[in-house]
């Protein structure tokens, strides 16, 4: 004991001096400015401040703490971006530095441990996968090759509306647009209509279950030592079931596509150059590396089907909701379609190119109702100086496209549906103007934009050309609420309409 006391007497003053030097001198040399941040709780961080509508909660916080805001989801830091200037820094100036994806448990489970394009980490695998998607699966030539499919499925949709019109019954917009998008993309991906093929109906349900799982709060992603909670609350069981059922279905379809190709049965749409057959041909030519992995084919197809159907469906749904709420806009759109077509009954791609107001209507819908209000998160690959703030490596970065699209400092009467704002402007769907980024921008932008827009334009033009629309008895424009709800993709409130021949 005497020896211990003697040691403390000798060294304690030195320890105290070192401690105070560390506290006073070291921070001045090493501390870097962090973005503004609201107070946080121990363990959970700022999770208690994220409500049922995350994009709305984050917009409200950003109005107080600024367009570059630091939050903590559990112990993990996240930067929230709510201005076009900051979005440009992330998606253009420092695009490579922020090109990674956070590895969430649900995305890994559903997408074959990140073998798809959307969630795979930045690197050689992602570059090759992106090249295949952009250059071979979703290029302009391929999208154009699906023209016949789009036209046939839109025609089928019009016939359904006409039958309801003849019977004076109410049309369910949810079912109408889901069938259109699922069947169009099902035929493009595999050559089958999901609405008539029995397994396809099952896949539709699985695709509906996936977005809530991907966007659900998974405590294990934020506080790893609490991952066991997922086994108690049912999250793990549901996630595992959806992942297995989806894999079983895709495995069967891929095998069927391969057998048809190997048998030489090249007759009919099933064996034309759909997305699955193109991927299998690429795989056949590359017998080594990741391209030889069947999971790669399934992951990319799941990206195309899942992302394409949900995004396109929500775009059509939200546009129809806004047109029913704003009859003057619908009248103006119908007039443009009528003037462009004249006496023609069929709509060509050349006709669509002339419909500037139609494209403005779609852009305005995407401004107010982006299908993914919070763009799929990015992750910093290295320490970055972001507009004077220090962002540490592995920090998650979330861009609130919904908040940017409704910023009153950027948009006059920001909450009103005014397509005219997009006439005679340079705004496009490629994310080159960071006030308008519904599909993202830079390396991680959505490669299927042209495919989605081509379906939406043709469908809306046909509906406006052939029908007039009104709301069911007892329903007013004020009752329609296309408010964006929680989820990876926005959800919606029920919508129905009555159609009469134009």
Protein backbone atom coordinates (compact mmCIF):
# COMPACT_ATOMS: atom_id res chain seq x y z
CA UNK A 1 0.00 0.00 0.00
CA UNK A 2 2.88 2.34 0.82
CA UNK A 3 4.45 1.64 -2.58
CA UNK A 4 1.14 2.44 -4.33
CA UNK A 5 0.77 5.70 -2.44
CA UNK A 6 4.32 6.68 -3.30
CA UNK A 7 3.68 5.95 -6.99
CA UNK A 8 0.50 8.04 -7.00
CA UNK A 9 2.33 10.89 -5.31
CA UNK A 10 5.01 10.85 -7.98
CA UNK A 11 2.85 10.32 -11.13
CA UNK A 12 -0.53 11.90 -10.33
CA UNK A 13 0.59 15.49 -11.05
CA UNK A 14 1.96 14.32 -14.41
CA UNK A 15 -1.32 12.56 -15.29
CA UNK A 16 -3.29 15.68 -14.42
CA UNK A 17 -1.06 17.89 -16.58
CA UNK A 18 -1.30 15.50 -19.53
CA UNK A 19 -5.11 15.35 -19.20
CA UNK A 20 -5.52 19.12 -19.27
CA UNK A 21 -3.06 19.50 -22.16
CA UNK A 22 -5.08 16.92 -24.10
CA UNK A 23 -8.37 18.72 -23.42
CA UNK A 24 -7.02 22.22 -24.17
CA UNK A 25 -4.48 21.75 -26.95
CA UNK A 26 -5.62 18.66 -28.92
CA UNK A 27 -9.13 19.87 -29.86
CA UNK A 28 -7.71 23.08 -31.30
CA UNK A 29 -5.50 21.07 -33.62
CA UNK A 30 -7.83 18.24 -34.61
CA UNK A 31 -11.46 19.20 -34.11
CA UNK A 32 -13.30 19.98 -37.35
CA UNK A 33 -16.66 21.74 -37.73
CA UNK A 34 -19.62 19.38 -37.90
CA UNK A 35 -23.01 20.27 -39.41
CA UNK A 36 -25.67 21.70 -37.07
CA UNK A 37 -27.46 19.01 -35.10
CA UNK A 38 -30.47 18.86 -32.78
CA UNK A 39 -29.89 17.52 -29.26
CA UNK A 40 -29.77 13.73 -29.08
CA UNK A 41 -30.55 11.10 -26.47
CA UNK A 42 -28.05 8.46 -25.35
CA UNK A 43 -28.22 5.18 -27.30
CA UNK A 44 -31.10 6.16 -29.63
CA UNK A 45 -29.59 9.46 -30.85
CA UNK A 46 -32.23 11.41 -32.81
CA UNK A 47 -34.48 8.47 -33.65
CA UNK A 48 -37.21 9.84 -31.40
CA UNK A 49 -37.50 12.89 -33.70
CA UNK A 50 -38.35 10.86 -36.81
CA UNK A 51 -42.12 10.44 -37.06
CA UNK A 52 -44.39 8.31 -39.23
CA UNK A 53 -43.59 10.54 -42.24
CA UNK A 54 -39.77 10.71 -42.20
CA UNK A 55 -39.43 13.10 -45.14
CA UNK A 56 -41.78 15.54 -43.41
CA UNK A 57 -40.01 15.19 -40.03
CA UNK A 58 -36.64 15.80 -41.66
CA UNK A 59 -37.95 18.82 -43.57
CA UNK A 60 -39.23 20.38 -40.33
CA UNK A 61 -35.89 19.76 -38.60
CA UNK A 62 -33.97 21.18 -41.57
CA UNK A 63 -36.00 24.39 -41.39
CA UNK A 64 -34.53 24.89 -37.92
CA UNK A 65 -31.02 23.45 -38.28
CA UNK A 66 -30.23 24.08 -41.94
CA UNK A 67 -29.97 22.29 -45.31
CA UNK A 68 -26.95 20.26 -44.15
CA UNK A 69 -27.92 18.68 -40.85
CA UNK A 70 -26.28 16.01 -38.71
CA UNK A 71 -28.46 13.42 -37.01
CA UNK A 72 -27.64 10.20 -35.21
CA UNK A 73 -29.70 7.07 -35.83
CA UNK A 74 -28.61 5.22 -32.74
CA UNK A 75 -24.84 5.74 -32.56
CA UNK A 76 -24.51 6.03 -36.36
CA UNK A 77 -24.20 9.53 -37.90
CA UNK A 78 -26.34 10.61 -40.86
CA UNK A 79 -26.19 13.83 -42.87
CA UNK A 80 -29.56 15.11 -44.12
CA UNK A 81 -29.45 17.19 -47.32
CA UNK A 82 -32.34 19.58 -48.00
CA UNK A 83 -31.11 22.10 -50.60
CA UNK A 84 -30.11 21.88 -54.28
CA UNK A 85 -26.70 23.40 -53.54
CA UNK A 86 -25.89 20.73 -50.97
CA UNK A 87 -27.39 18.00 -53.18
CA UNK A 88 -25.11 19.10 -56.01
CA UNK A 89 -22.09 18.84 -53.72
CA UNK A 90 -23.04 15.27 -52.82
CA UNK A 91 -24.16 13.99 -56.23
CA UNK A 92 -21.78 15.90 -58.51
CA UNK A 93 -18.83 17.65 -56.85
CA UNK A 94 -18.11 14.77 -54.45
CA UNK A 95 -20.05 12.09 -56.33
CA UNK A 96 -17.31 9.44 -56.02
CA UNK A 97 -16.75 10.17 -52.33
CA UNK A 98 -20.46 9.61 -51.65
CA UNK A 99 -21.02 6.77 -54.11
CA UNK A 100 -21.33 3.96 -51.56
CA UNK A 101 -24.51 2.50 -50.06
CA UNK A 102 -25.19 1.71 -46.39
CA UNK A 103 -25.44 -2.03 -45.90
CA UNK A 104 -28.80 -2.57 -44.27
CA UNK A 105 -29.86 -6.01 -43.12
CA UNK A 106 -33.12 -6.06 -45.08
CA UNK A 107 -31.50 -5.01 -48.39
CA UNK A 108 -28.83 -7.68 -48.00
CA UNK A 109 -31.40 -10.37 -47.30
CA UNK A 110 -33.73 -9.43 -50.16
CA UNK A 111 -31.11 -8.60 -52.81
CA UNK A 112 -28.74 -11.55 -52.50
CA UNK A 113 -26.22 -9.82 -50.24
CA UNK A 114 -26.15 -6.66 -52.35
CA UNK A 115 -25.67 -8.27 -55.76
CA UNK A 116 -28.18 -5.94 -57.37
CA UNK A 117 -27.45 -2.48 -58.74
CA UNK A 118 -29.36 -0.26 -56.32
CA UNK A 119 -27.82 -1.49 -53.06
CA UNK A 120 -24.44 -2.89 -54.12
CA UNK A 121 -21.39 -1.05 -52.72
CA UNK A 122 -19.38 1.16 -55.04
CA UNK A 123 -16.57 -0.71 -56.75
CA UNK A 124 -15.71 -2.92 -59.72
CA UNK A 125 -18.76 -5.15 -59.24
CA UNK A 126 -21.10 -2.15 -59.22
CA UNK A 127 -19.38 -0.58 -62.26
CA UNK A 128 -19.82 -3.74 -64.34
CA UNK A 129 -23.41 -4.21 -63.19
CA UNK A 130 -24.23 -0.59 -64.01
CA UNK A 131 -22.63 -0.94 -67.43
CA UNK A 132 -24.80 -3.96 -68.19
CA UNK A 133 -27.98 -2.20 -67.07
CA UNK A 134 -27.30 1.08 -68.86
CA UNK A 135 -25.74 -0.25 -72.06
CA UNK A 136 -27.59 -3.51 -72.62
CA UNK A 137 -30.80 -3.73 -70.57
CA UNK A 138 -32.25 -0.22 -70.41
CA UNK A 139 -30.63 1.70 -73.25
CA UNK A 140 -32.78 3.70 -75.65
CA UNK A 141 -32.75 0.95 -78.27
CA UNK A 142 -33.94 -1.66 -75.77
CA UNK A 143 -36.63 0.65 -74.38
CA UNK A 144 -37.81 1.30 -77.93
CA UNK A 145 -37.92 -2.44 -78.59
CA UNK A 146 -40.61 -2.73 -75.90
CA UNK A 147 -42.82 -0.26 -77.74
CA UNK A 148 -45.24 -2.96 -78.91
CA UNK A 149 -45.61 -4.27 -75.36
CA UNK A 150 -46.37 -0.77 -74.02
CA UNK A 151 -48.95 -0.15 -76.72
CA UNK A 152 -50.72 -3.47 -76.18
CA UNK A 153 -50.87 -3.10 -72.40
CA UNK A 154 -52.10 0.51 -72.62
CA UNK A 155 -54.75 -0.63 -75.08
CA UNK A 156 -55.80 -3.32 -72.60
CA UNK A 157 -56.02 -0.67 -69.86
CA UNK A 158 -58.19 1.54 -72.07
CA UNK A 159 -60.55 -1.37 -72.74
CA UNK A 160 -60.99 -1.93 -69.01
CA UNK A 161 -61.86 1.73 -68.52
CA UNK A 162 -64.26 1.60 -71.47
CA UNK A 163 -66.09 -1.41 -70.00
CA UNK A 164 -66.52 0.42 -66.69
CA UNK A 165 -67.73 3.44 -68.64
CA UNK A 166 -70.30 1.38 -70.54
CA UNK A 167 -71.57 -0.11 -67.27
CA UNK A 168 -71.46 3.26 -65.50
CA UNK A 169 -69.33 1.74 -62.74
CA UNK A 170 -66.48 3.22 -60.71
CA UNK A 171 -62.93 2.42 -61.79
CA UNK A 172 -60.33 1.61 -59.12
CA UNK A 173 -57.18 3.53 -60.06
CA UNK A 174 -55.03 1.40 -57.78
CA UNK A 175 -55.87 -1.85 -59.54
CA UNK A 176 -55.87 -0.25 -63.00
CA UNK A 177 -52.37 1.23 -62.80
CA UNK A 178 -50.84 -1.68 -60.91
CA UNK A 179 -52.01 -4.12 -63.58
CA UNK A 180 -50.69 -1.89 -66.37
CA UNK A 181 -47.22 -1.47 -64.88
CA UNK A 182 -46.86 -5.05 -63.64
CA UNK A 183 -47.88 -6.57 -66.97
CA UNK A 184 -45.77 -4.19 -69.05
CA UNK A 185 -42.66 -4.79 -67.00
CA UNK A 186 -43.44 -8.50 -66.57
CA UNK A 187 -43.51 -8.93 -70.33
CA UNK A 188 -40.37 -6.85 -70.78
CA UNK A 189 -38.53 -8.83 -68.10
CA UNK A 190 -39.75 -12.39 -68.76
CA UNK A 191 -42.28 -12.29 -71.58
CA UNK A 192 -45.22 -13.01 -69.25
CA UNK A 193 -48.21 -11.06 -67.93
CA UNK A 194 -48.10 -11.08 -64.16
CA UNK A 195 -51.85 -10.44 -63.89
CA UNK A 196 -52.83 -13.65 -65.69
CA UNK A 197 -49.94 -15.94 -64.71
CA UNK A 198 -50.74 -17.53 -61.33
CA UNK A 199 -47.23 -17.18 -59.96
CA UNK A 200 -47.19 -13.60 -61.16
CA UNK A 201 -50.03 -12.73 -58.80
CA UNK A 202 -47.91 -14.07 -55.97
CA UNK A 203 -44.97 -11.98 -57.11
CA UNK A 204 -47.17 -8.87 -57.16
CA UNK A 205 -47.94 -9.44 -53.51
CA UNK A 206 -44.27 -10.00 -52.71
CA UNK A 207 -43.32 -6.79 -54.49
CA UNK A 208 -45.93 -4.97 -52.42
CA UNK A 209 -44.45 -6.40 -49.22
CA UNK A 210 -40.85 -5.50 -50.05
CA UNK A 211 -40.82 -1.68 -49.81
CA UNK A 212 -42.21 -1.60 -46.24
CA UNK A 213 -39.54 -4.11 -45.20
CA UNK A 214 -36.76 -2.12 -46.85
CA UNK A 215 -37.87 1.13 -45.25
CA UNK A 216 -39.00 -0.25 -41.89
CA UNK A 217 -37.08 0.81 -38.81
CA UNK A 218 -34.71 -2.09 -38.15
CA UNK A 219 -33.18 -1.49 -34.76
CA UNK A 220 -30.32 -3.87 -35.55
CA UNK A 221 -29.05 -1.56 -38.32
CA UNK A 222 -28.69 1.29 -35.82
CA UNK A 223 -28.01 -0.46 -32.51
CA UNK A 224 -26.44 -3.83 -33.42
CA UNK A 225 -26.54 -5.28 -29.91
CA UNK A 226 -30.34 -5.01 -30.02
CA UNK A 227 -30.68 -7.09 -33.22
CA UNK A 228 -32.35 -9.86 -31.22
CA UNK A 229 -35.47 -7.66 -31.02
CA UNK A 230 -36.21 -8.51 -34.69
CA UNK A 231 -36.86 -12.12 -33.67
CA UNK A 232 -39.36 -10.98 -31.04
CA UNK A 233 -41.33 -8.41 -33.08
CA UNK A 234 -41.76 -10.65 -36.14
CA UNK A 235 -39.58 -8.60 -38.49
CA UNK A 236 -37.04 -11.39 -39.06
CA UNK A 237 -39.72 -14.00 -39.77
CA UNK A 238 -41.54 -11.83 -42.32
CA UNK A 239 -38.32 -10.70 -43.99
CA UNK A 240 -37.08 -14.28 -44.33
CA UNK A 241 -40.39 -15.48 -45.77
CA UNK A 242 -40.60 -12.71 -48.38
CA UNK A 243 -36.94 -13.25 -49.36
CA UNK A 244 -37.40 -17.01 -49.75
CA UNK A 245 -40.71 -16.80 -51.63
CA UNK A 246 -39.32 -14.18 -54.00
CA UNK A 247 -36.16 -16.20 -54.62
CA UNK A 248 -38.15 -19.37 -55.31
CA UNK A 249 -40.28 -17.56 -57.88
CA UNK A 250 -37.35 -15.88 -59.63
CA UNK A 251 -35.36 -19.12 -59.63
CA UNK A 252 -38.20 -20.89 -61.40
CA UNK A 253 -38.62 -18.14 -64.02
CA UNK A 254 -34.89 -17.93 -64.73
CA UNK A 255 -34.70 -21.71 -65.15
CA UNK A 256 -37.67 -21.67 -67.54
CA UNK A 257 -36.05 -18.91 -69.60
CA UNK A 258 -32.76 -20.83 -69.75
CA UNK A 259 -34.45 -24.08 -70.81
CA UNK A 260 -36.33 -22.33 -73.63
CA UNK A 261 -33.10 -20.82 -74.88
CA UNK A 262 -31.24 -24.15 -74.69
CA UNK A 263 -34.04 -26.02 -76.48
CA UNK A 264 -33.93 -23.57 -79.37
CA UNK A 265 -37.61 -22.76 -79.02
CA UNK A 266 -37.36 -19.19 -80.22
CA UNK A 267 -40.93 -18.67 -81.29
CA UNK A 268 -43.15 -16.15 -79.60
CA UNK A 269 -42.63 -13.32 -77.20
CA UNK A 270 -41.40 -15.61 -74.40
CA UNK A 271 -38.09 -16.11 -76.17
CA UNK A 272 -37.61 -12.68 -77.65
CA UNK A 273 -34.94 -10.43 -76.22
CA UNK A 274 -36.54 -9.78 -72.85
CA UNK A 275 -34.38 -8.72 -69.93
CA UNK A 276 -33.99 -12.21 -68.47
CA UNK A 277 -32.86 -13.71 -71.76
CA UNK A 278 -30.34 -10.90 -72.31
CA UNK A 279 -28.88 -11.44 -68.85
CA UNK A 280 -28.64 -15.18 -69.39
CA UNK A 281 -26.88 -14.63 -72.72
CA UNK A 282 -24.37 -12.33 -71.00
CA UNK A 283 -23.89 -14.99 -68.33
CA UNK A 284 -23.34 -17.68 -70.97
CA UNK A 285 -20.58 -15.60 -72.54
CA UNK A 286 -18.93 -15.03 -69.14
CA UNK A 287 -18.36 -18.37 -67.42
CA UNK A 288 -16.15 -16.97 -64.64
CA UNK A 289 -16.47 -14.17 -62.11
CA UNK A 290 -19.64 -12.66 -60.69
CA UNK A 291 -21.46 -12.78 -64.05
CA UNK A 292 -21.52 -16.58 -63.80
CA UNK A 293 -23.46 -16.38 -60.53
CA UNK A 294 -27.20 -17.07 -60.87
CA UNK A 295 -27.86 -14.76 -57.93
CA UNK A 296 -26.53 -11.86 -60.01
CA UNK A 297 -29.18 -12.48 -62.68
CA UNK A 298 -31.96 -12.74 -60.09
CA UNK A 299 -30.80 -9.64 -58.22
CA UNK A 300 -30.75 -7.46 -61.34
CA UNK A 301 -34.15 -8.74 -62.49
CA UNK A 302 -35.57 -8.02 -59.04
CA UNK A 303 -34.21 -4.47 -59.30
CA UNK A 304 -35.88 -3.98 -62.67
CA UNK A 305 -39.22 -5.47 -61.65
CA UNK A 306 -39.38 -4.02 -58.15
CA UNK A 307 -38.12 -0.56 -58.97
CA UNK A 308 -39.86 -0.27 -62.33
CA UNK A 309 -43.34 -1.37 -61.32
CA UNK A 310 -43.61 0.59 -58.09
CA UNK A 311 -42.11 3.81 -59.43
CA UNK A 312 -44.20 3.87 -62.61
CA UNK A 313 -47.40 2.89 -60.83
CA UNK A 314 -46.99 5.63 -58.20
CA UNK A 315 -46.25 8.22 -60.89
CA UNK A 316 -49.46 7.34 -62.76
CA UNK A 317 -51.48 7.19 -59.56
CA UNK A 318 -50.29 10.56 -58.25
CA UNK A 319 -50.74 12.23 -61.64
CA UNK A 320 -54.33 11.01 -61.93
CA UNK A 321 -55.04 12.17 -58.37
CA UNK A 322 -53.75 15.66 -59.15
CA UNK A 323 -55.69 15.86 -62.41
CA UNK A 324 -58.91 14.94 -60.61
CA UNK A 325 -58.18 17.59 -58.01
CA UNK A 326 -57.31 20.21 -60.64
CA UNK A 327 -59.92 19.98 -63.41
CA UNK A 328 -58.57 23.07 -65.19
CA UNK A 329 -55.23 21.30 -65.65
CA UNK A 330 -56.98 18.19 -66.94
CA UNK A 331 -58.98 20.26 -69.44
CA UNK A 332 -55.83 21.95 -70.70
CA UNK A 333 -54.06 18.59 -71.05
CA UNK A 334 -57.00 17.06 -72.94
CA UNK A 335 -56.99 20.03 -75.28
CA UNK A 336 -53.29 19.59 -76.06
CA UNK A 337 -53.71 15.87 -76.75
CA UNK A 338 -56.68 16.54 -79.02
CA UNK A 339 -54.85 19.26 -80.97
CA UNK A 340 -51.77 17.09 -81.51
CA UNK A 341 -53.74 14.02 -82.64
CA UNK A 342 -56.46 15.66 -84.69
CA UNK A 343 -58.57 12.86 -86.14
CA UNK A 344 -56.04 10.13 -85.32
CA UNK A 345 -57.05 7.45 -82.84
CA UNK A 346 -53.62 5.93 -82.19
CA UNK A 347 -50.79 7.80 -80.47
CA UNK A 348 -47.25 7.50 -81.85
CA UNK A 349 -43.92 8.36 -80.21
CA UNK A 350 -43.73 11.36 -82.55
CA UNK A 351 -47.08 12.58 -81.18
CA UNK A 352 -45.85 12.24 -77.60
CA UNK A 353 -42.79 14.34 -78.39
CA UNK A 354 -45.10 17.22 -79.33
CA UNK A 355 -47.07 17.08 -76.07
CA UNK A 356 -45.10 19.57 -74.00
CA UNK A 357 -47.87 20.15 -71.48
CA UNK A 358 -48.17 16.40 -70.86
CA UNK A 359 -44.50 16.26 -69.95
CA UNK A 360 -44.92 19.35 -67.77
CA UNK A 361 -47.78 17.63 -65.93
CA UNK A 362 -45.59 14.58 -65.27
CA UNK A 363 -42.71 16.75 -64.04
CA UNK A 364 -44.98 18.69 -61.72
CA UNK A 365 -46.29 15.42 -60.29
CA UNK A 366 -42.74 14.23 -59.68
CA UNK A 367 -41.85 17.53 -58.02
CA UNK A 368 -44.71 17.26 -55.52
CA UNK A 369 -44.80 13.47 -55.21
CA UNK A 370 -41.39 11.89 -55.92
CA UNK A 371 -41.82 8.09 -55.79
CA UNK A 372 -38.87 7.92 -53.39
CA UNK A 373 -39.19 11.06 -51.20
CA UNK A 374 -35.90 10.30 -49.45
CA UNK A 375 -33.54 9.14 -52.18
CA UNK A 376 -31.88 5.80 -51.49
CA UNK A 377 -29.18 6.70 -48.92
CA UNK A 378 -25.56 7.08 -49.85
CA UNK A 379 -22.52 6.54 -47.65
CA UNK A 380 -19.23 8.42 -47.47
CA UNK A 381 -16.30 6.34 -48.71
CA UNK A 382 -13.81 8.71 -47.10
CA UNK A 383 -13.65 11.84 -44.96
CA UNK A 384 -15.12 14.74 -46.96
CA UNK A 385 -15.29 18.52 -46.57
CA UNK A 386 -18.91 19.27 -47.48
CA UNK A 387 -19.46 23.01 -47.86
CA UNK A 388 -17.20 23.70 -44.86
CA UNK A 389 -18.50 20.85 -42.70
CA UNK A 390 -16.55 17.71 -41.85
CA UNK A 391 -18.22 14.44 -42.87
CA UNK A 392 -16.55 11.32 -41.54
CA UNK A 393 -16.02 8.15 -43.55
CA UNK A 394 -19.00 5.71 -43.34
CA UNK A 395 -21.45 8.51 -42.54
CA UNK A 396 -24.84 7.93 -44.14
CA UNK A 397 -26.10 10.71 -46.44
CA UNK A 398 -29.84 11.12 -47.07
CA UNK A 399 -31.13 13.55 -49.71
CA UNK A 400 -34.67 14.78 -49.07
CA UNK A 401 -35.93 15.18 -52.64
CA UNK A 402 -39.44 15.81 -51.29
CA UNK A 403 -38.25 18.80 -49.23
CA UNK A 404 -36.28 20.28 -52.14
CA UNK A 405 -39.29 19.93 -54.43
CA UNK A 406 -41.48 21.87 -51.98
CA UNK A 407 -39.02 24.56 -50.90
CA UNK A 408 -40.86 27.93 -51.19
CA UNK A 409 -37.55 29.73 -51.79
CA UNK A 410 -37.09 27.65 -54.96
CA UNK A 411 -40.65 27.27 -56.24
CA UNK A 412 -43.38 29.89 -56.44
CA UNK A 413 -46.51 28.63 -54.67
CA UNK A 414 -44.56 25.49 -53.91
CA UNK A 415 -47.49 23.44 -52.60
CA UNK A 416 -49.73 24.11 -55.62
CA UNK A 417 -49.98 21.88 -58.67
CA UNK A 418 -48.89 24.19 -61.52
CA UNK A 419 -47.45 22.33 -64.55
CA UNK A 420 -46.94 25.65 -66.35
CA UNK A 421 -43.82 26.19 -64.27
CA UNK A 422 -42.08 23.49 -66.34
CA UNK A 423 -42.96 24.90 -69.76
CA UNK A 424 -40.03 26.48 -71.61
CA UNK A 425 -37.50 25.40 -68.97
CA UNK A 426 -34.39 23.23 -69.08
CA UNK A 427 -35.55 20.86 -66.33
CA UNK A 428 -35.29 17.22 -67.39
CA UNK A 429 -35.51 13.80 -65.73
CA UNK A 430 -31.74 13.23 -65.61
CA UNK A 431 -31.05 15.23 -62.46
CA UNK A 432 -28.92 17.89 -64.14
CA UNK A 433 -30.80 20.64 -62.29
CA UNK A 434 -30.62 19.90 -58.57
CA UNK A 435 -33.90 21.62 -57.78
CA UNK A 436 -35.58 18.69 -59.51
CA UNK A 437 -34.12 15.27 -58.68
CA UNK A 438 -36.98 12.72 -58.45
CA UNK A 439 -34.74 10.00 -59.89
CA UNK A 440 -31.51 11.12 -58.25
CA UNK A 441 -28.38 12.26 -60.07
CA UNK A 442 -24.80 11.27 -60.71
CA UNK A 443 -23.43 7.74 -60.54
CA UNK A 444 -26.28 6.48 -58.40
CA UNK A 445 -29.15 7.88 -60.46
CA UNK A 446 -31.91 5.54 -61.61
CA UNK A 447 -31.02 3.90 -64.97
CA UNK A 448 -34.66 3.05 -65.75
CA UNK A 449 -35.99 6.63 -66.08
CA UNK A 450 -36.71 6.44 -69.82
CA UNK A 451 -38.57 3.15 -69.43
CA UNK A 452 -40.80 4.52 -66.65
CA UNK A 453 -41.54 7.81 -68.41
CA UNK A 454 -42.35 6.09 -71.72
CA UNK A 455 -45.08 4.01 -70.02
CA UNK A 456 -46.51 6.98 -68.11
CA UNK A 457 -46.66 9.30 -71.13
CA UNK A 458 -48.41 6.77 -73.37
CA UNK A 459 -50.90 5.75 -70.68
CA UNK A 460 -51.86 9.29 -69.68
CA UNK A 461 -52.12 10.53 -73.28
CA UNK A 462 -54.51 7.69 -74.14
CA UNK A 463 -56.68 8.24 -71.09
CA UNK A 464 -56.93 11.98 -71.75
CA UNK A 465 -57.68 11.39 -75.45
CA UNK A 466 -60.45 8.84 -75.03
CA UNK A 467 -62.25 9.77 -71.80
CA UNK A 468 -63.56 12.51 -69.57
CA UNK A 469 -63.21 11.90 -65.85
CA UNK A 470 -65.18 12.79 -62.76
CA UNK A 471 -65.28 11.74 -59.13
CA UNK A 472 -67.82 9.26 -57.73
CA UNK A 473 -70.92 10.64 -56.04
CA UNK A 474 -70.19 12.03 -52.62
CA UNK A 475 -66.48 12.50 -53.31
CA UNK A 476 -65.03 15.99 -53.77
CA UNK A 477 -61.61 17.22 -54.85
CA UNK A 478 -60.86 18.05 -51.22
CA UNK A 479 -61.35 14.37 -50.31
CA UNK A 480 -58.47 13.31 -52.56
CA UNK A 481 -55.25 13.29 -50.62
CA UNK A 482 -52.20 12.22 -52.62
CA UNK A 483 -50.01 12.91 -49.56
CA UNK A 484 -46.76 10.97 -49.53
CA UNK A 485 -46.72 8.39 -46.77
CA UNK A 486 -43.93 6.47 -45.11
CA UNK A 487 -41.94 3.90 -47.06
CA UNK A 488 -39.06 3.46 -49.45
CA UNK A 489 -41.58 4.43 -52.06
CA UNK A 490 -44.51 6.67 -51.26
CA UNK A 491 -47.77 5.02 -50.42
CA UNK A 492 -51.17 6.54 -51.26
CA UNK A 493 -54.79 6.90 -50.28
CA UNK A 494 -57.55 5.03 -52.20
CA UNK A 495 -58.51 6.66 -55.49
CA UNK A 496 -61.42 5.91 -57.83
CA UNK A 497 -63.01 7.74 -60.74
CA UNK A 498 -65.85 7.61 -63.26
CA UNK A 499 -64.95 7.71 -66.96
CA UNK A 500 -67.19 8.73 -69.84
CA UNK A 501 -66.27 8.67 -73.56
CA UNK A 502 -64.65 11.90 -74.74
